[in-house]
PDB file of N, CA and C in Angstrom:
ATOM      1  N   UNK A   1     183.323 -57.740  30.964  1.00  0.00           N
ATOM      2  CA  UNK A   1     183.716 -58.996  30.425  1.00  0.00           C
ATOM      3  C   UNK A   1     184.159 -57.972  28.641  1.00  0.00           C
ATOM      4  N   UNK A   2     185.323 -58.688  28.800  1.00  0.00           N
ATOM      5  CA  UNK A   2     186.554 -58.545  27.787  1.00  0.00           C
ATOM      6  C   UNK A   2     185.789 -58.844  26.481  1.00  0.00           C
ATOM      7  N   UNK A   3     185.971 -57.507  25.449  1.00  0.00           N
ATOM      8  CA  UNK A   3     185.432 -57.968  23.741  1.00  0.00           C
ATOM      9  C   UNK A   3     186.519 -57.176  23.360  1.00  0.00           C
ATOM     10  N   UNK A   4     186.406 -58.106  21.784  1.00  0.00           N
ATOM     11  CA  UNK A   4     187.640 -57.537  20.867  1.00  0.00           C
ATOM     12  C   UNK A   4     187.223 -56.188  20.095  1.00  0.00           C
ATOM     13  N   UNK A   5     186.541 -56.023  19.571  1.00  0.00           N
ATOM     14  CA  UNK A   5     185.900 -55.362  18.303  1.00  0.00           C
ATOM     15  C   UNK A   5     185.484 -53.780  19.400  1.00  0.00           C
ATOM     16  N   UNK A   6     185.871 -52.527  18.386  1.00  0.00           N
ATOM     17  CA  UNK A   6     185.799 -51.588  19.088  1.00  0.00           C
ATOM     18  C   UNK A   6     185.373 -51.078  19.950  1.00  0.00           C
ATOM     19  N   UNK A   7     185.739 -50.610  21.466  1.00  0.00           N
ATOM     20  CA  UNK A   7     184.726 -50.138  22.774  1.00  0.00           C
ATOM     21  C   UNK A   7     183.370 -49.470  21.663  1.00  0.00           C
ATOM     22  N   UNK A   8     182.174 -49.640  22.429  1.00  0.00           N
ATOM     23  CA  UNK A   8     181.023 -48.488  21.541  1.00  0.00           C
ATOM     24  C   UNK A   8     181.009 -47.496  22.706  1.00  0.00           C
ATOM     25  N   UNK A   9     180.266 -46.382  22.703  1.00  0.00           N
ATOM     26  CA  UNK A   9     179.403 -46.566  21.590  1.00  0.00           C
ATOM     27  C   UNK A   9     179.624 -46.388  19.767  1.00  0.00           C
ATOM     28  N   UNK A  10     178.586 -46.779  19.040  1.00  0.00           N
ATOM     29  CA  UNK A  10     178.840 -46.135  17.852  1.00  0.00           C
ATOM     30  C   UNK A  10     177.854 -45.157  17.306  1.00  0.00           C
ATOM     31  N   UNK A  11     178.013 -44.672  16.346  1.00  0.00           N
ATOM     32  CA  UNK A  11     177.160 -43.527  16.198  1.00  0.00           C
ATOM     33  C   UNK A  11     177.257 -43.025  13.879  1.00  0.00           C
ATOM     34  N   UNK A  12     176.607 -42.642  13.733  1.00  0.00           N
ATOM     35  CA  UNK A  12     176.375 -42.771  12.012  1.00  0.00           C
ATOM     36  C   UNK A  12     176.896 -41.907  12.276  1.00  0.00           C
ATOM     37  N   UNK A  13     176.945 -41.463  11.118  1.00  0.00           N
ATOM     38  CA  UNK A  13     177.157 -39.646  10.411  1.00  0.00           C
ATOM     39  C   UNK A  13     177.245 -40.237   9.103  1.00  0.00           C
ATOM     40  N   UNK A  14     176.427 -39.528   8.130  1.00  0.00           N
ATOM     41  CA  UNK A  14     176.524 -38.435   6.700  1.00  0.00           C
ATOM     42  C   UNK A  14     178.104 -38.359   6.066  1.00  0.00           C
ATOM     43  N   UNK A  15     178.192 -38.770   4.854  1.00  0.00           N
ATOM     44  CA  UNK A  15     179.515 -37.628   4.516  1.00  0.00           C
ATOM     45  C   UNK A  15     179.387 -37.970   3.457  1.00  0.00           C
ATOM     46  N   UNK A  16     178.680 -36.392   3.222  1.00  0.00           N
ATOM     47  CA  UNK A  16     178.545 -36.580   0.953  1.00  0.00           C
ATOM     48  C   UNK A  16     176.569 -36.871   0.688  1.00  0.00           C
ATOM     49  N   UNK A  17     176.573 -37.203   0.286  1.00  0.00           N
ATOM     50  CA  UNK A  17     175.964 -38.249  -0.529  1.00  0.00           C
ATOM     51  C   UNK A  17     175.405 -39.384  -0.493  1.00  0.00           C
ATOM     52  N   UNK A  18     176.758 -40.017  -0.241  1.00  0.00           N
ATOM     53  CA  UNK A  18     176.245 -41.707  -0.648  1.00  0.00           C
ATOM     54  C   UNK A  18     176.617 -42.529   0.244  1.00  0.00           C
ATOM     55  N   UNK A  19     177.435 -41.567   1.655  1.00  0.00           N
ATOM     56  CA  UNK A  19     177.893 -42.900   2.237  1.00  0.00           C
ATOM     57  C   UNK A  19     178.225 -42.522   4.009  1.00  0.00           C
ATOM     58  N   UNK A  20     177.077 -43.165   4.379  1.00  0.00           N
ATOM     59  CA  UNK A  20     177.021 -42.835   5.952  1.00  0.00           C
ATOM     60  C   UNK A  20     178.277 -43.964   6.635  1.00  0.00           C
ATOM     61  N   UNK A  21     178.901 -43.524   7.450  1.00  0.00           N
ATOM     62  CA  UNK A  21     179.883 -43.840   8.293  1.00  0.00           C
ATOM     63  C   UNK A  21     179.458 -45.309   9.872  1.00  0.00           C
ATOM     64  N   UNK A  22     179.748 -45.317  10.011  1.00  0.00           N
ATOM     65  CA  UNK A  22     179.782 -45.467  11.936  1.00  0.00           C
ATOM     66  C   UNK A  22     180.808 -45.594  12.284  1.00  0.00           C
ATOM     67  N   UNK A  23     181.031 -44.439  13.301  1.00  0.00           N
ATOM     68  CA  UNK A  23     181.975 -44.259  14.304  1.00  0.00           C
ATOM     69  C   UNK A  23     182.270 -45.363  14.707  1.00  0.00           C
ATOM     70  N   UNK A  24     183.202 -44.755  16.534  1.00  0.00           N
ATOM     71  CA  UNK A  24     183.710 -44.705  16.604  1.00  0.00           C
ATOM     72  C   UNK A  24     184.178 -43.510  17.760  1.00  0.00           C
ATOM     73  N   UNK A  25     184.456 -43.505  18.171  1.00  0.00           N
ATOM     74  CA  UNK A  25     184.806 -41.827  19.757  1.00  0.00           C
ATOM     75  C   UNK A  25     185.977 -43.098  20.230  1.00  0.00           C
ATOM     76  N   UNK A  26     187.405 -42.497  19.954  1.00  0.00           N
ATOM     77  CA  UNK A  26     188.295 -43.452  20.440  1.00  0.00           C
ATOM     78  C   UNK A  26     188.379 -42.213  22.692  1.00  0.00           C
ATOM     79  N   UNK A  27     189.673 -42.301  22.230  1.00  0.00           N
ATOM     80  CA  UNK A  27     190.503 -40.985  23.382  1.00  0.00           C
ATOM     81  C   UNK A  27     190.335 -39.701  23.024  1.00  0.00           C
ATOM     82  N   UNK A  28     189.122 -38.818  23.620  1.00  0.00           N
ATOM     83  CA  UNK A  28     189.201 -37.321  23.257  1.00  0.00           C
ATOM     84  C   UNK A  28     188.545 -37.017  22.419  1.00  0.00           C
ATOM     85  N   UNK A  29     189.177 -36.553  21.461  1.00  0.00           N
ATOM     86  CA  UNK A  29     189.014 -36.456  20.074  1.00  0.00           C
ATOM     87  C   UNK A  29     188.236 -37.625  18.788  1.00  0.00           C
ATOM     88  N   UNK A  30     189.709 -38.768  19.230  1.00  0.00           N
ATOM     89  CA  UNK A  30     189.352 -39.274  18.241  1.00  0.00           C
ATOM     90  C   UNK A  30     188.756 -40.992  17.275  1.00  0.00           C
ATOM     91  N   UNK A  31     188.233 -40.323  16.092  1.00  0.00           N
ATOM     92  CA  UNK A  31     187.427 -40.907  15.944  1.00  0.00           C
ATOM     93  C   UNK A  31     188.114 -42.425  15.336  1.00  0.00           C
ATOM     94  N   UNK A  32     187.426 -43.404  15.577  1.00  0.00           N
ATOM     95  CA  UNK A  32     187.896 -44.837  13.796  1.00  0.00           C
ATOM     96  C   UNK A  32     186.521 -44.761  13.905  1.00  0.00           C
ATOM     97  N   UNK A  33     186.591 -45.463  12.275  1.00  0.00           N
ATOM     98  CA  UNK A  33     186.131 -45.753  11.419  1.00  0.00           C
ATOM     99  C   UNK A  33     185.715 -47.340  11.982  1.00  0.00           C
ATOM    100  N   UNK A  34     184.098 -47.925  11.957  1.00  0.00           N
ATOM    101  CA  UNK A  34     183.516 -49.414  12.090  1.00  0.00           C
ATOM    102  C   UNK A  34     183.180 -49.479  10.865  1.00  0.00           C
ATOM    103  N   UNK A  35     182.254 -48.466   9.741  1.00  0.00           N
ATOM    104  CA  UNK A  35     181.418 -49.366   9.005  1.00  0.00           C
ATOM    105  C   UNK A  35     181.207 -47.677   7.953  1.00  0.00           C
ATOM    106  N   UNK A  36     181.653 -48.579   7.149  1.00  0.00           N
ATOM    107  CA  UNK A  36     180.090 -48.009   5.516  1.00  0.00           C
ATOM    108  C   UNK A  36     179.577 -48.390   4.853  1.00  0.00           C
ATOM    109  N   UNK A  37     178.807 -47.565   5.343  1.00  0.00           N
ATOM    110  CA  UNK A  37     176.961 -47.953   4.446  1.00  0.00           C
ATOM    111  C   UNK A  37     177.198 -47.692   3.043  1.00  0.00           C
ATOM    112  N   UNK A  38     177.428 -47.647   1.539  1.00  0.00           N
ATOM    113  CA  UNK A  38     176.858 -47.048   0.258  1.00  0.00           C
ATOM    114  C   UNK A  38     175.571 -47.271  -0.013  1.00  0.00           C
ATOM    115  N   UNK A  39     175.420 -46.616  -0.875  1.00  0.00           N
ATOM    116  CA  UNK A  39     174.066 -46.024  -1.327  1.00  0.00           C
ATOM    117  C   UNK A  39     173.833 -47.832  -1.829  1.00  0.00           C
ATOM    118  N   UNK A  40     171.758 -47.808  -1.292  1.00  0.00           N
ATOM    119  CA  UNK A  40     171.732 -49.012  -1.915  1.00  0.00           C
ATOM    120  C   UNK A  40     170.036 -48.547  -2.666  1.00  0.00           C
ATOM    121  N   UNK A  41     170.572 -49.912  -3.842  1.00  0.00           N
ATOM    122  CA  UNK A  41     168.705 -49.788  -4.888  1.00  0.00           C
ATOM    123  C   UNK A  41     167.360 -48.840  -4.494  1.00  0.00           C
ATOM    124  N   UNK A  42     167.669 -49.306  -2.697  1.00  0.00           N
ATOM    125  CA  UNK A  42     165.851 -49.071  -2.002  1.00  0.00           C
ATOM    126  C   UNK A  42     166.455 -47.312  -1.011  1.00  0.00           C
ATOM    127  N   UNK A  43     167.345 -46.601  -1.192  1.00  0.00           N
ATOM    128  CA  UNK A  43     167.223 -45.143  -1.488  1.00  0.00           C
ATOM    129  C   UNK A  43     168.077 -45.282   0.331  1.00  0.00           C
ATOM    130  N   UNK A  44     167.709 -44.194  -0.190  1.00  0.00           N
ATOM    131  CA  UNK A  44     168.471 -43.198   1.991  1.00  0.00           C
ATOM    132  C   UNK A  44     168.029 -43.514   2.443  1.00  0.00           C
ATOM    133  N   UNK A  45     166.911 -44.319   3.063  1.00  0.00           N
ATOM    134  CA  UNK A  45     166.517 -44.405   4.458  1.00  0.00           C
ATOM    135  C   UNK A  45     167.200 -46.026   4.857  1.00  0.00           C
ATOM    136  N   UNK A  46     166.591 -46.488   3.242  1.00  0.00           N
ATOM    137  CA  UNK A  46     167.761 -48.266   3.811  1.00  0.00           C
ATOM    138  C   UNK A  46     169.298 -47.927   4.603  1.00  0.00           C
ATOM    139  N   UNK A  47     169.491 -47.240   3.872  1.00  0.00           N
ATOM    140  CA  UNK A  47     171.467 -47.067   4.161  1.00  0.00           C
ATOM    141  C   UNK A  47     171.284 -46.364   5.427  1.00  0.00           C
ATOM    142  N   UNK A  48     170.423 -45.615   6.046  1.00  0.00           N
ATOM    143  CA  UNK A  48     170.547 -45.145   7.820  1.00  0.00           C
ATOM    144  C   UNK A  48     170.438 -46.126   7.933  1.00  0.00           C
ATOM    145  N   UNK A  49     169.121 -47.301   7.942  1.00  0.00           N
ATOM    146  CA  UNK A  49     169.034 -47.935   8.859  1.00  0.00           C
ATOM    147  C   UNK A  49     169.903 -48.895   9.124  1.00  0.00           C
ATOM    148  N   UNK A  50     170.610 -49.626   7.621  1.00  0.00           N
ATOM    149  CA  UNK A  50     171.237 -50.124   8.155  1.00  0.00           C
ATOM    150  C   UNK A  50     172.763 -49.638   9.122  1.00  0.00           C
ATOM    151  N   UNK A  51     173.408 -48.611   8.445  1.00  0.00           N
ATOM    152  CA  UNK A  51     173.857 -48.067   9.300  1.00  0.00           C
ATOM    153  C   UNK A  51     173.455 -47.193  10.763  1.00  0.00           C
ATOM    154  N   UNK A  52     173.228 -47.723  10.821  1.00  0.00           N
ATOM    155  CA  UNK A  52     171.909 -47.498  12.097  1.00  0.00           C
ATOM    156  C   UNK A  52     172.459 -48.523  13.105  1.00  0.00           C
ATOM    157  N   UNK A  53     171.689 -49.709  12.899  1.00  0.00           N
ATOM    158  CA  UNK A  53     171.152 -50.474  13.334  1.00  0.00           C
ATOM    159  C   UNK A  53     172.969 -51.721  13.449  1.00  0.00           C
ATOM    160  N   UNK A  54     173.902 -50.839  12.578  1.00  0.00           N
ATOM    161  CA  UNK A  54     175.833 -51.512  13.227  1.00  0.00           C
ATOM    162  C   UNK A  54     176.433 -50.940  14.032  1.00  0.00           C
ATOM    163  N   UNK A  55     175.505 -49.296  14.044  1.00  0.00           N
ATOM    164  CA  UNK A  55     175.939 -48.801  15.632  1.00  0.00           C
ATOM    165  C   UNK A  55     175.647 -49.684  16.823  1.00  0.00           C
ATOM    166  N   UNK A  56     174.500 -49.850  16.647  1.00  0.00           N
ATOM    167  CA  UNK A  56     173.684 -50.066  17.571  1.00  0.00           C
ATOM    168  C   UNK A  56     174.151 -51.491  18.244  1.00  0.00           C
ATOM    169  N   UNK A  57     174.679 -52.299  18.098  1.00  0.00           N
ATOM    170  CA  UNK A  57     175.423 -53.569  17.704  1.00  0.00           C
ATOM    171  C   UNK A  57     176.877 -53.322  18.985  1.00  0.00           C
ATOM    172  N   UNK A  58     177.324 -52.623  19.342  1.00  0.00           N
ATOM    173  CA  UNK A  58     177.903 -52.820  20.985  1.00  0.00           C
ATOM    174  C   UNK A  58     176.813 -53.553  22.087  1.00  0.00           C
ATOM    175  N   UNK A  59     176.197 -52.141  21.809  1.00  0.00           N
ATOM    176  CA  UNK A  59     174.938 -51.909  23.331  1.00  0.00           C
ATOM    177  C   UNK A  59     173.887 -53.569  22.866  1.00  0.00           C
ATOM    178  N   UNK A  60     173.308 -54.254  21.895  1.00  0.00           N
ATOM    179  CA  UNK A  60     172.485 -55.692  21.727  1.00  0.00           C
ATOM    180  C   UNK A  60     173.695 -56.280  21.967  1.00  0.00           C
ATOM    181  N   UNK A  61     174.546 -56.475  21.933  1.00  0.00           N
ATOM    182  CA  UNK A  61     175.858 -57.759  21.953  1.00  0.00           C
ATOM    183  C   UNK A  61     175.306 -57.412  24.497  1.00  0.00           C
ATOM    184  N   UNK A  62     175.374 -56.560  24.274  1.00  0.00           N
ATOM    185  CA  UNK A  62     175.961 -56.766  26.239  1.00  0.00           C
ATOM    186  C   UNK A  62     174.494 -56.488  26.340  1.00  0.00           C
ATOM    187  N   UNK A  63     173.412 -56.039  25.818  1.00  0.00           N
ATOM    188  CA  UNK A  63     171.603 -56.726  26.183  1.00  0.00           C
ATOM    189  C   UNK A  63     171.889 -57.988  25.826  1.00  0.00           C
ATOM    190  N   UNK A  64     171.836 -58.712  24.413  1.00  0.00           N
ATOM    191  CA  UNK A  64     171.581 -60.240  23.905  1.00  0.00           C
ATOM    192  C   UNK A  64     172.628 -60.671  25.606  1.00  0.00           C
ATOM    193  N   UNK A  65     173.927 -60.695  26.246  1.00  0.00           N
ATOM    194  CA  UNK A  65     174.562 -60.920  26.584  1.00  0.00           C
ATOM    195  C   UNK A  65     173.283 -61.397  28.564  1.00  0.00           C
ATOM    196  N   UNK A  66     173.352 -60.197  28.366  1.00  0.00           N
ATOM    197  CA  UNK A  66     172.434 -59.879  29.697  1.00  0.00           C
ATOM    198  C   UNK A  66     171.235 -61.097  30.355  1.00  0.00           C
ATOM    199  N   UNK A  67     170.825 -60.386  28.168  1.00  0.00           N
ATOM    200  CA  UNK A  67     168.920 -60.973  28.416  1.00  0.00           C
ATOM    201  C   UNK A  67     169.145 -62.749  28.570  1.00  0.00           C
ATOM    202  N   UNK A  68     170.051 -62.597  28.600  1.00  0.00           N
ATOM    203  CA  UNK A  68     170.526 -64.511  27.824  1.00  0.00           C
ATOM    204  C   UNK A  68     170.740 -65.145  29.405  1.00  0.00           C
ATOM    205  N   UNK A  69     171.363 -64.483  30.380  1.00  0.00           N
ATOM    206  CA  UNK A  69     171.988 -64.118  31.791  1.00  0.00           C
ATOM    207  C   UNK A  69     170.286 -65.254  32.809  1.00  0.00           C
ATOM    208  N   UNK A  70     170.235 -64.033  32.527  1.00  0.00           N
ATOM    209  CA  UNK A  70     168.981 -64.157  33.452  1.00  0.00           C
ATOM    210  C   UNK A  70     167.544 -65.266  32.916  1.00  0.00           C
ATOM    211  N   UNK A  71     167.762 -65.499  31.256  1.00  0.00           N
ATOM    212  CA  UNK A  71     166.924 -66.380  30.598  1.00  0.00           C
ATOM    213  C   UNK A  71     166.787 -67.637  31.308  1.00  0.00           C
ATOM    214  N   UNK A  72     168.307 -68.523  31.405  1.00  0.00           N
ATOM    215  CA  UNK A  72     169.070 -69.074  31.596  1.00  0.00           C
ATOM    216  C   UNK A  72     168.647 -69.382  33.018  1.00  0.00           C
ATOM    217  N   UNK A  73     169.051 -68.678  33.975  1.00  0.00           N
ATOM    218  CA  UNK A  73     168.149 -68.822  35.372  1.00  0.00           C
ATOM    219  C   UNK A  73     167.336 -68.977  35.403  1.00  0.00           C
ATOM    220  N   UNK A  74     165.817 -68.401  34.913  1.00  0.00           N
ATOM    221  CA  UNK A  74     164.765 -67.955  35.376  1.00  0.00           C
ATOM    222  C   UNK A  74     164.025 -69.897  34.599  1.00  0.00           C
ATOM    223  N   UNK A  75     164.679 -69.619  33.654  1.00  0.00           N
ATOM    224  CA  UNK A  75     163.250 -70.709  32.428  1.00  0.00           C
ATOM    225  C   UNK A  75     164.325 -71.662  31.670  1.00  0.00           C
ATOM    226  N   UNK A  76     166.475 -72.018  32.177  1.00  0.00           N
ATOM    227  CA  UNK A  76     167.237 -73.181  31.486  1.00  0.00           C
ATOM    228  C   UNK A  76     166.710 -74.720  32.154  1.00  0.00           C
ATOM    229  N   UNK A  77     166.689 -74.666  32.932  1.00  0.00           N
ATOM    230  CA  UNK A  77     165.440 -75.973  33.240  1.00  0.00           C
ATOM    231  C   UNK A  77     164.229 -76.147  33.315  1.00  0.00           C
ATOM    232  N   UNK A  78     162.973 -75.375  32.082  1.00  0.00           N
ATOM    233  CA  UNK A  78     161.777 -75.447  32.973  1.00  0.00           C
ATOM    234  C   UNK A  78     161.107 -75.593  31.714  1.00  0.00           C
ATOM    235  N   UNK A  79     161.632 -75.200  30.486  1.00  0.00           N
ATOM    236  CA  UNK A  79     161.721 -76.130  29.345  1.00  0.00           C
ATOM    237  C   UNK A  79     163.012 -76.276  28.270  1.00  0.00           C
ATOM    238  N   UNK A  80     162.843 -77.201  27.202  1.00  0.00           N
ATOM    239  CA  UNK A  80     163.061 -77.279  27.051  1.00  0.00           C
ATOM    240  C   UNK A  80     163.683 -76.262  25.940  1.00  0.00           C
ATOM    241  N   UNK A  81     162.762 -75.733  25.321  1.00  0.00           N
ATOM    242  CA  UNK A  81     162.038 -74.766  23.637  1.00  0.00           C
ATOM    243  C   UNK A  81     163.144 -73.013  23.617  1.00  0.00           C
ATOM    244  N   UNK A  82     162.781 -72.668  25.294  1.00  0.00           N
ATOM    245  CA  UNK A  82     164.506 -72.549  25.245  1.00  0.00           C
ATOM    246  C   UNK A  82     164.707 -72.728  25.505  1.00  0.00           C
ATOM    247  N   UNK A  83     165.404 -73.697  25.727  1.00  0.00           N
ATOM    248  CA  UNK A  83     167.312 -73.779  27.022  1.00  0.00           C
ATOM    249  C   UNK A  83     167.904 -73.610  24.738  1.00  0.00           C
ATOM    250  N   UNK A  84     166.948 -74.059  23.525  1.00  0.00           N
ATOM    251  CA  UNK A  84     167.173 -74.264  22.148  1.00  0.00           C
ATOM    252  C   UNK A  84     167.699 -73.008  22.020  1.00  0.00           C
ATOM    253  N   UNK A  85     166.467 -72.113  22.631  1.00  0.00           N
ATOM    254  CA  UNK A  85     166.618 -71.016  21.812  1.00  0.00           C
ATOM    255  C   UNK A  85     168.074 -70.350  22.807  1.00  0.00           C
ATOM    256  N   UNK A  86     168.026 -70.466  23.990  1.00  0.00           N
ATOM    257  CA  UNK A  86     169.772 -70.161  25.234  1.00  0.00           C
ATOM    258  C   UNK A  86     170.947 -70.348  24.023  1.00  0.00           C
ATOM    259  N   UNK A  87     171.237 -71.804  24.014  1.00  0.00           N
ATOM    260  CA  UNK A  87     172.202 -72.706  23.067  1.00  0.00           C
ATOM    261  C   UNK A  87     172.372 -71.942  22.002  1.00  0.00           C
ATOM    262  N   UNK A  88     171.697 -71.389  20.625  1.00  0.00           N
ATOM    263  CA  UNK A  88     171.790 -70.345  19.651  1.00  0.00           C
ATOM    264  C   UNK A  88     171.948 -69.286  20.052  1.00  0.00           C
ATOM    265  N   UNK A  89     171.757 -68.621  20.897  1.00  0.00           N
ATOM    266  CA  UNK A  89     171.822 -66.948  21.301  1.00  0.00           C
ATOM    267  C   UNK A  89     174.109 -66.717  21.515  1.00  0.00           C
ATOM    268  N   UNK A  90     174.041 -68.380  22.945  1.00  0.00           N
ATOM    269  CA  UNK A  90     175.323 -68.399  23.112  1.00  0.00           C
ATOM    270  C   UNK A  90     175.827 -68.726  22.039  1.00  0.00           C
ATOM    271  N   UNK A  91     175.917 -69.641  21.308  1.00  0.00           N
ATOM    272  CA  UNK A  91     175.897 -70.249  19.778  1.00  0.00           C
ATOM    273  C   UNK A  91     177.041 -69.155  19.736  1.00  0.00           C
ATOM    274  N   UNK A  92     176.371 -68.001  19.052  1.00  0.00           N
ATOM    275  CA  UNK A  92     176.427 -67.227  18.606  1.00  0.00           C
ATOM    276  C   UNK A  92     177.073 -65.663  18.982  1.00  0.00           C
ATOM    277  N   UNK A  93     176.810 -65.182  20.329  1.00  0.00           N
ATOM    278  CA  UNK A  93     178.506 -64.818  21.188  1.00  0.00           C
ATOM    279  C   UNK A  93     178.985 -64.878  21.009  1.00  0.00           C
ATOM    280  N   UNK A  94     179.074 -66.536  20.891  1.00  0.00           N
ATOM    281  CA  UNK A  94     180.385 -67.649  21.140  1.00  0.00           C
ATOM    282  C   UNK A  94     181.077 -66.247  19.902  1.00  0.00           C
ATOM    283  N   UNK A  95     180.687 -66.887  18.551  1.00  0.00           N
ATOM    284  CA  UNK A  95     181.105 -65.645  17.463  1.00  0.00           C
ATOM    285  C   UNK A  95     181.865 -65.357  17.060  1.00  0.00           C
ATOM    286  N   UNK A  96     180.864 -64.015  17.454  1.00  0.00           N
ATOM    287  CA  UNK A  96     180.758 -62.204  18.077  1.00  0.00           C
ATOM    288  C   UNK A  96     181.837 -62.411  18.601  1.00  0.00           C
ATOM    289  N   UNK A  97     181.729 -63.191  20.342  1.00  0.00           N
ATOM    290  CA  UNK A  97     183.287 -62.146  20.804  1.00  0.00           C
ATOM    291  C   UNK A  97     183.436 -63.380  21.766  1.00  0.00           C
ATOM    292  N   UNK A  98     184.718 -63.900  20.106  1.00  0.00           N
ATOM    293  CA  UNK A  98     185.383 -65.019  21.685  1.00  0.00           C
ATOM    294  C   UNK A  98     186.399 -65.225  22.473  1.00  0.00           C
TER     295      UNK A  98
END
């Protein structure tokens, strides 16, 4: 599957006391900043958690696509509630990966 976002894996890196960056390693040692999470009122733990969630996005997208494919094969024609969830997931994945 071809994607338009910066390829993963992404990782977090704290620089100084105020910002946690999400970066991707491109070719060799070249890094690209994907996002920056600034301080939150809840503190540095929430800031780190936000950055880790963003860093997991490429792998989460692949896992969601794979789970959706398996779910459609196993339950797509059997359960109307499952179809609703599958349609919601497909719509969201389509927005993320047009």
